[in-house]
Amino acid sequence: MLGARIRRLAFVSFALLAACGPHRNVPRLPDRIVIVDNQGFADMTVYVVEGTFRQRLGIATGASVTRLTLPRRMSSGVRRLQFICNPIGGSRTTVSQDITSGPGDTITLTIPPGGG
């Protein structure tokens, strides 16, 4: 009798833990891609700003096009974003206008020759 109760309790506990596990059928939100066309010669560190939150995205190499991905926490809903590009070893920071973006959008940033 006691053994049956322990087995039943163990089964119920296992079922509850399984129900709390990761859901594999939840659709993954599409990434938001940032294409940086750095037409200047200086490599730039690119940051995304949302409200007071700022996060480094990566480095846009000079005289090239770089593909960066926004953080997962910024993948849902419509977002109002701003981008900051700091030259490595320089002081001419470039700041974008506010950009409104939705899931799956591709945002293109152009850093002009001379830095902005």
N, C-alpha and C. Protein backbone atom coordinates (compact mmCIF):
# COMPACT_ATOMS: atom_id res chain seq x y z
N MET A 1 0.82 -1.18 0.00
CA MET A 1 0.00 0.00 0.00
C MET A 1 0.87 1.26 0.00
N LEU A 2 1.85 1.32 0.91
CA LEU A 2 2.75 2.46 0.97
C LEU A 2 3.59 2.54 -0.30
N GLY A 3 4.02 1.39 -0.83
CA GLY A 3 4.80 1.36 -2.06
C GLY A 3 4.02 1.91 -3.24
N ALA A 4 2.72 1.62 -3.31
CA ALA A 4 1.87 2.12 -4.39
C ALA A 4 1.73 3.64 -4.30
N ARG A 5 1.60 4.16 -3.08
CA ARG A 5 1.51 5.62 -2.90
C ARG A 5 2.81 6.31 -3.32
N ILE A 6 3.93 5.71 -2.98
CA ILE A 6 5.23 6.30 -3.35
C ILE A 6 5.38 6.30 -4.87
N ARG A 7 4.99 5.17 -5.52
CA ARG A 7 5.08 5.11 -6.98
C ARG A 7 4.16 6.15 -7.63
N ARG A 8 2.95 6.30 -7.10
CA ARG A 8 2.00 7.27 -7.64
C ARG A 8 2.53 8.70 -7.45
N LEU A 9 3.09 9.00 -6.29
CA LEU A 9 3.65 10.31 -6.02
C LEU A 9 4.84 10.58 -6.95
N ALA A 10 5.68 9.56 -7.14
CA ALA A 10 6.82 9.71 -8.05
C ALA A 10 6.34 9.97 -9.47
N PHE A 11 5.29 9.26 -9.92
CA PHE A 11 4.76 9.45 -11.26
C PHE A 11 4.20 10.87 -11.43
N VAL A 12 3.42 11.31 -10.44
CA VAL A 12 2.84 12.66 -10.51
C VAL A 12 3.94 13.71 -10.52
N SER A 13 4.97 13.53 -9.71
CA SER A 13 6.09 14.48 -9.68
C SER A 13 6.79 14.51 -11.03
N PHE A 14 7.02 13.35 -11.62
CA PHE A 14 7.68 13.29 -12.92
C PHE A 14 6.81 13.97 -13.99
N ALA A 15 5.50 13.74 -13.95
CA ALA A 15 4.60 14.35 -14.93
C ALA A 15 4.60 15.87 -14.81
N LEU A 16 4.63 16.37 -13.57
CA LEU A 16 4.68 17.82 -13.38
C LEU A 16 5.99 18.40 -13.88
N LEU A 17 7.10 17.73 -13.63
CA LEU A 17 8.39 18.21 -14.12
C LEU A 17 8.43 18.18 -15.64
N ALA A 18 7.89 17.15 -16.26
CA ALA A 18 7.88 17.06 -17.72
C ALA A 18 7.03 18.18 -18.32
N ALA A 19 5.94 18.53 -17.66
CA ALA A 19 5.08 19.60 -18.16
C ALA A 19 5.76 20.96 -18.08
N CYS A 20 6.70 21.11 -17.15
CA CYS A 20 7.41 22.38 -16.99
C CYS A 20 8.64 22.48 -17.87
N GLY A 21 8.97 21.44 -18.60
CA GLY A 21 10.18 21.42 -19.43
C GLY A 21 10.04 22.33 -20.64
N PRO A 22 11.10 22.40 -21.46
CA PRO A 22 11.06 23.28 -22.64
C PRO A 22 10.04 22.80 -23.66
N HIS A 23 9.38 23.73 -24.29
CA HIS A 23 8.38 23.42 -25.31
C HIS A 23 9.05 23.51 -26.67
N ARG A 24 9.18 22.41 -27.34
CA ARG A 24 9.89 22.36 -28.61
C ARG A 24 9.02 22.83 -29.77
N ASN A 25 7.72 22.94 -29.60
CA ASN A 25 6.83 23.33 -30.68
C ASN A 25 6.56 24.83 -30.71
N VAL A 26 7.18 25.60 -29.83
CA VAL A 26 7.00 27.04 -29.81
C VAL A 26 7.77 27.62 -30.98
N PRO A 27 7.11 28.38 -31.87
CA PRO A 27 7.83 28.92 -33.02
C PRO A 27 8.89 29.93 -32.61
N ARG A 28 10.02 29.85 -33.26
CA ARG A 28 11.12 30.76 -32.98
C ARG A 28 10.92 32.05 -33.77
N LEU A 29 11.06 33.18 -33.11
CA LEU A 29 10.91 34.45 -33.79
C LEU A 29 12.08 34.67 -34.74
N PRO A 30 11.82 35.28 -35.90
CA PRO A 30 12.92 35.53 -36.83
C PRO A 30 13.89 36.57 -36.27
N ASP A 31 15.15 36.40 -36.61
CA ASP A 31 16.17 37.35 -36.17
C ASP A 31 15.99 38.69 -36.88
N ARG A 32 16.39 39.73 -36.20
CA ARG A 32 16.47 41.06 -36.83
C ARG A 32 17.92 41.26 -37.21
N ILE A 33 18.13 41.49 -38.45
CA ILE A 33 19.48 41.61 -39.01
C ILE A 33 19.83 43.08 -39.20
N VAL A 34 21.08 43.43 -38.91
CA VAL A 34 21.59 44.77 -39.15
C VAL A 34 22.74 44.64 -40.15
N ILE A 35 22.58 45.27 -41.30
CA ILE A 35 23.63 45.31 -42.31
C ILE A 35 24.31 46.67 -42.17
N VAL A 36 25.62 46.64 -41.92
CA VAL A 36 26.38 47.89 -41.76
C VAL A 36 27.29 48.05 -42.97
N ASP A 37 27.01 49.07 -43.76
CA ASP A 37 27.85 49.41 -44.91
C ASP A 37 28.82 50.50 -44.46
N ASN A 38 30.00 50.08 -44.03
CA ASN A 38 31.01 51.01 -43.53
C ASN A 38 31.85 51.48 -44.70
N GLN A 39 31.57 52.68 -45.18
CA GLN A 39 32.27 53.23 -46.32
C GLN A 39 33.54 53.98 -45.92
N GLY A 40 33.75 54.13 -44.61
CA GLY A 40 34.98 54.75 -44.12
C GLY A 40 36.08 53.72 -43.96
N PHE A 41 37.26 54.16 -43.59
CA PHE A 41 38.40 53.25 -43.43
C PHE A 41 38.53 52.71 -42.01
N ALA A 42 37.99 53.43 -41.03
CA ALA A 42 38.13 53.00 -39.64
C ALA A 42 37.15 51.87 -39.32
N ASP A 43 37.62 50.87 -38.56
CA ASP A 43 36.74 49.84 -38.03
C ASP A 43 35.87 50.50 -36.95
N MET A 44 34.59 50.10 -36.88
CA MET A 44 33.65 50.71 -35.94
C MET A 44 33.04 49.65 -35.03
N THR A 45 32.97 49.96 -33.74
CA THR A 45 32.22 49.13 -32.80
C THR A 45 30.77 49.60 -32.85
N VAL A 46 29.84 48.66 -33.12
CA VAL A 46 28.44 49.00 -33.30
C VAL A 46 27.65 48.59 -32.06
N TYR A 47 26.86 49.52 -31.54
CA TYR A 47 25.98 49.29 -30.38
C TYR A 47 24.54 49.54 -30.80
N VAL A 48 23.61 48.82 -30.19
CA VAL A 48 22.19 49.10 -30.35
C VAL A 48 21.69 49.68 -29.03
N VAL A 49 20.83 50.68 -29.13
CA VAL A 49 20.27 51.34 -27.94
C VAL A 49 18.75 51.27 -28.03
N GLU A 50 18.14 50.79 -26.93
CA GLU A 50 16.69 50.80 -26.81
C GLU A 50 16.37 51.38 -25.44
N GLY A 51 15.79 52.58 -25.43
CA GLY A 51 15.55 53.26 -24.17
C GLY A 51 16.89 53.57 -23.51
N THR A 52 17.09 53.03 -22.30
CA THR A 52 18.37 53.23 -21.61
C THR A 52 19.28 52.01 -21.72
N PHE A 53 18.82 50.98 -22.43
CA PHE A 53 19.61 49.75 -22.59
C PHE A 53 20.51 49.87 -23.80
N ARG A 54 21.79 49.62 -23.62
CA ARG A 54 22.77 49.67 -24.71
C ARG A 54 23.54 48.36 -24.73
N GLN A 55 23.66 47.76 -25.92
CA GLN A 55 24.39 46.49 -26.04
C GLN A 55 25.27 46.52 -27.28
N ARG A 56 26.47 46.00 -27.11
CA ARG A 56 27.42 45.90 -28.22
C ARG A 56 26.96 44.80 -29.17
N LEU A 57 26.92 45.10 -30.47
CA LEU A 57 26.55 44.11 -31.48
C LEU A 57 27.77 43.46 -32.12
N GLY A 58 28.83 44.25 -32.32
CA GLY A 58 30.02 43.71 -32.95
C GLY A 58 30.82 44.80 -33.62
N ILE A 59 31.72 44.39 -34.50
CA ILE A 59 32.62 45.33 -35.18
C ILE A 59 32.30 45.33 -36.67
N ALA A 60 32.15 46.54 -37.22
CA ALA A 60 31.98 46.73 -38.66
C ALA A 60 33.33 47.14 -39.22
N THR A 61 33.93 46.26 -39.98
CA THR A 61 35.26 46.51 -40.55
C THR A 61 35.18 47.65 -41.56
N GLY A 62 36.23 48.47 -41.59
CA GLY A 62 36.28 49.59 -42.52
C GLY A 62 36.24 49.13 -43.97
N ALA A 63 35.61 49.96 -44.81
CA ALA A 63 35.52 49.73 -46.26
C ALA A 63 34.93 48.35 -46.59
N SER A 64 33.91 47.94 -45.83
CA SER A 64 33.27 46.65 -46.09
C SER A 64 31.84 46.67 -45.57
N VAL A 65 31.10 45.60 -45.90
CA VAL A 65 29.73 45.43 -45.43
C VAL A 65 29.74 44.30 -44.41
N THR A 66 29.16 44.55 -43.23
CA THR A 66 29.13 43.58 -42.13
C THR A 66 27.69 43.26 -41.77
N ARG A 67 27.42 41.98 -41.50
CA ARG A 67 26.09 41.52 -41.11
C ARG A 67 26.11 41.20 -39.61
N LEU A 68 25.24 41.87 -38.84
CA LEU A 68 25.14 41.65 -37.39
C LEU A 68 23.70 41.25 -37.06
N THR A 69 23.52 40.58 -35.93
CA THR A 69 22.20 40.14 -35.49
C THR A 69 21.87 40.80 -34.16
N LEU A 70 20.64 41.32 -34.05
CA LEU A 70 20.22 41.91 -32.78
C LEU A 70 20.05 40.83 -31.73
N PRO A 71 20.19 41.18 -30.45
CA PRO A 71 20.01 40.21 -29.36
C PRO A 71 18.61 39.60 -29.38
N ARG A 72 18.48 38.36 -28.91
CA ARG A 72 17.20 37.65 -28.89
C ARG A 72 16.12 38.43 -28.14
N ARG A 73 16.49 39.13 -27.09
CA ARG A 73 15.48 39.85 -26.31
C ARG A 73 14.82 40.97 -27.12
N MET A 74 15.40 41.32 -28.26
CA MET A 74 14.86 42.36 -29.13
C MET A 74 14.15 41.77 -30.35
N SER A 75 13.81 40.49 -30.31
CA SER A 75 13.22 39.83 -31.47
C SER A 75 11.70 39.92 -31.52
N SER A 76 11.05 40.27 -30.43
CA SER A 76 9.59 40.29 -30.43
C SER A 76 9.06 41.71 -30.51
N GLY A 77 7.91 41.86 -31.13
CA GLY A 77 7.22 43.14 -31.17
C GLY A 77 7.93 44.21 -31.97
N VAL A 78 7.26 45.34 -32.09
CA VAL A 78 7.84 46.49 -32.77
C VAL A 78 8.73 47.22 -31.78
N ARG A 79 9.92 47.55 -32.20
CA ARG A 79 10.90 48.20 -31.32
C ARG A 79 11.35 49.52 -31.92
N ARG A 80 11.67 50.46 -31.05
CA ARG A 80 12.25 51.74 -31.45
C ARG A 80 13.71 51.70 -31.04
N LEU A 81 14.59 51.67 -32.02
CA LEU A 81 16.01 51.46 -31.79
C LEU A 81 16.84 52.63 -32.31
N GLN A 82 18.03 52.71 -31.77
CA GLN A 82 19.02 53.67 -32.23
C GLN A 82 20.36 52.95 -32.25
N PHE A 83 21.25 53.35 -33.14
CA PHE A 83 22.54 52.69 -33.26
C PHE A 83 23.65 53.70 -33.06
N ILE A 84 24.69 53.27 -32.35
CA ILE A 84 25.88 54.09 -32.11
C ILE A 84 27.07 53.35 -32.70
N CYS A 85 27.87 54.05 -33.48
CA CYS A 85 29.07 53.47 -34.07
C CYS A 85 30.28 54.27 -33.59
N ASN A 86 31.14 53.61 -32.82
CA ASN A 86 32.35 54.24 -32.30
C ASN A 86 33.56 53.74 -33.07
N PRO A 87 34.35 54.65 -33.63
CA PRO A 87 35.55 54.19 -34.34
C PRO A 87 36.58 53.63 -33.35
N ILE A 88 37.22 52.55 -33.73
CA ILE A 88 38.26 51.97 -32.89
C ILE A 88 39.50 52.83 -33.04
N GLY A 89 39.95 53.40 -31.94
CA GLY A 89 41.13 54.27 -31.96
C GLY A 89 40.83 55.67 -32.46
N GLY A 90 39.58 56.06 -32.49
CA GLY A 90 39.21 57.40 -32.95
C GLY A 90 38.19 58.03 -32.04
N SER A 91 37.66 59.19 -32.44
CA SER A 91 36.73 59.89 -31.57
C SER A 91 35.49 60.41 -32.28
N ARG A 92 35.29 60.12 -33.55
CA ARG A 92 34.15 60.65 -34.28
C ARG A 92 32.97 59.66 -34.27
N THR A 93 32.26 59.61 -33.16
CA THR A 93 31.13 58.71 -32.98
C THR A 93 29.99 59.08 -33.93
N THR A 94 29.38 58.06 -34.52
CA THR A 94 28.22 58.23 -35.39
C THR A 94 27.00 57.68 -34.68
N VAL A 95 25.91 58.47 -34.66
CA VAL A 95 24.67 58.05 -34.00
C VAL A 95 23.54 58.10 -35.03
N SER A 96 22.76 57.03 -35.11
CA SER A 96 21.66 56.98 -36.07
C SER A 96 20.45 57.73 -35.54
N GLN A 97 19.50 57.95 -36.42
CA GLN A 97 18.18 58.44 -36.01
C GLN A 97 17.46 57.28 -35.35
N ASP A 98 16.32 57.56 -34.71
CA ASP A 98 15.48 56.47 -34.19
C ASP A 98 14.94 55.67 -35.36
N ILE A 99 14.98 54.34 -35.22
CA ILE A 99 14.50 53.44 -36.26
C ILE A 99 13.45 52.53 -35.63
N THR A 100 12.28 52.44 -36.26
CA THR A 100 11.24 51.53 -35.80
C THR A 100 11.36 50.24 -36.59
N SER A 101 11.42 49.12 -35.88
CA SER A 101 11.68 47.82 -36.51
C SER A 101 10.74 46.77 -35.96
N GLY A 102 10.33 45.84 -36.84
CA GLY A 102 9.49 44.73 -36.46
C GLY A 102 10.22 43.41 -36.62
N PRO A 103 9.64 42.29 -36.13
CA PRO A 103 10.29 40.99 -36.23
C PRO A 103 10.63 40.64 -37.68
N GLY A 104 11.82 40.12 -37.89
CA GLY A 104 12.25 39.69 -39.21
C GLY A 104 12.78 40.81 -40.10
N ASP A 105 12.74 42.05 -39.62
CA ASP A 105 13.23 43.17 -40.43
C ASP A 105 14.74 43.10 -40.62
N THR A 106 15.18 43.67 -41.74
CA THR A 106 16.60 43.89 -41.98
C THR A 106 16.82 45.39 -41.95
N ILE A 107 17.72 45.84 -41.09
CA ILE A 107 18.02 47.27 -40.93
C ILE A 107 19.36 47.50 -41.60
N THR A 108 19.42 48.53 -42.46
CA THR A 108 20.68 48.85 -43.13
C THR A 108 21.21 50.17 -42.60
N LEU A 109 22.43 50.16 -42.11
CA LEU A 109 23.10 51.36 -41.64
C LEU A 109 24.25 51.67 -42.61
N THR A 110 24.39 52.93 -42.98
CA THR A 110 25.50 53.33 -43.84
C THR A 110 26.36 54.32 -43.07
N ILE A 111 27.63 53.99 -42.94
CA ILE A 111 28.59 54.91 -42.34
C ILE A 111 29.36 55.53 -43.50
N PRO A 112 29.15 56.83 -43.75
CA PRO A 112 29.77 57.46 -44.91
C PRO A 112 31.28 57.59 -44.75
N PRO A 113 31.99 57.79 -45.87
CA PRO A 113 33.44 58.03 -45.77
C PRO A 113 33.65 59.26 -44.89
N GLY A 114 34.61 59.22 -44.05
CA GLY A 114 34.83 60.33 -43.12
C GLY A 114 34.10 60.14 -41.82
N GLY A 115 33.26 59.13 -41.69
CA GLY A 115 32.69 58.72 -40.42
C GLY A 115 31.35 59.26 -40.06
N GLY A 116 30.76 60.17 -40.76
CA GLY A 116 29.41 60.52 -40.38
C GLY A 116 29.24 61.95 -40.30
